[in-house]
Amino acid sequence: MSLSLTCKRCNEPITGEDEDELVARVQAHVATHSRLHGRFHQVSREQVLARLRRQEAKENSGHA
């Protein structure tokens, strides 16, 4: 089952086949944005998974 999140800054969908792949891709995406905008920003595995859980809960409640 594929998992995905959408970047809050650029609305680009970020997809992974599992949690590990999704976390790695989100972290790489954030790192790229940070370099492009001259800032240092990181997201932890826990932050990515928390956002994924919130998104899943929202989708399951019918408020997507």
Protein backbone atom coordinates (compact mmCIF):
# COMPACT_ATOMS: atom_id res chain seq x y z
CA MET A 1 0.00 0.00 0.00
CA SER A 2 1.39 3.36 -1.02
CA LEU A 3 1.48 6.26 1.45
CA SER A 4 1.59 9.93 0.58
CA LEU A 5 1.70 13.42 2.03
CA THR A 6 1.50 16.78 0.28
CA CYS A 7 4.16 19.41 0.91
CA LYS A 8 2.61 22.37 2.73
CA ARG A 9 4.96 24.80 0.98
CA CYS A 10 4.74 23.72 -2.68
CA ASN A 11 1.80 21.29 -2.73
CA GLU A 12 3.96 18.58 -4.29
CA PRO A 13 2.79 15.06 -3.44
CA ILE A 14 5.45 12.93 -1.75
CA THR A 15 4.88 9.18 -1.93
CA GLY A 16 6.50 6.10 -0.47
CA GLU A 17 5.72 2.40 -0.55
CA ASP A 18 5.98 2.18 3.25
CA GLU A 19 6.58 4.44 6.25
CA ASP A 20 10.37 4.20 5.99
CA GLU A 21 10.39 5.25 2.35
CA LEU A 22 7.87 8.04 2.92
CA VAL A 23 9.86 9.44 5.85
CA ALA A 24 13.10 9.37 3.83
CA ARG A 25 11.47 11.12 0.87
CA VAL A 26 9.82 13.79 3.03
CA GLN A 27 13.10 14.45 4.82
CA ALA A 28 14.93 14.75 1.47
CA HIS A 29 12.23 17.08 0.13
CA VAL A 30 12.47 19.31 3.22
CA ALA A 31 16.26 19.38 2.96
CA THR A 32 16.03 20.46 -0.69
CA HIS A 33 13.60 23.27 0.17
CA SER A 34 15.86 24.37 3.03
CA ARG A 35 18.89 24.63 0.75
CA LEU A 36 16.95 26.47 -1.95
CA HIS A 37 15.67 29.06 0.51
CA GLY A 38 18.85 29.44 2.54
CA ARG A 39 17.36 28.06 5.74
CA PHE A 40 18.05 25.04 7.87
CA HIS A 41 14.99 22.96 8.59
CA GLN A 42 14.60 19.29 9.41
CA VAL A 43 11.66 17.06 10.20
CA SER A 44 11.91 14.01 12.39
CA ARG A 45 10.46 10.60 11.65
CA GLU A 46 7.97 11.22 14.45
CA GLN A 47 6.82 14.51 12.89
CA VAL A 48 6.26 12.90 9.50
CA LEU A 49 4.35 9.96 10.96
CA ALA A 50 2.25 12.24 13.19
CA ARG A 51 1.22 14.25 10.14
CA LEU A 52 0.45 11.05 8.25
CA ARG A 53 -1.77 9.83 11.13
CA ARG A 54 -3.62 13.17 11.28
CA GLN A 55 -4.20 13.03 7.54
CA GLU A 56 -5.45 9.43 7.73
CA ALA A 57 -7.80 10.30 10.60
CA LYS A 58 -9.18 13.25 8.66
CA GLU A 59 -9.72 11.10 5.56
CA ASN A 60 -11.41 8.37 7.58
CA SER A 61 -13.77 10.83 9.24
CA GLY A 62 -14.98 12.11 5.88
CA HIS A 63 -13.38 15.57 6.21
CA ALA A 64 -10.64 15.15 3.60
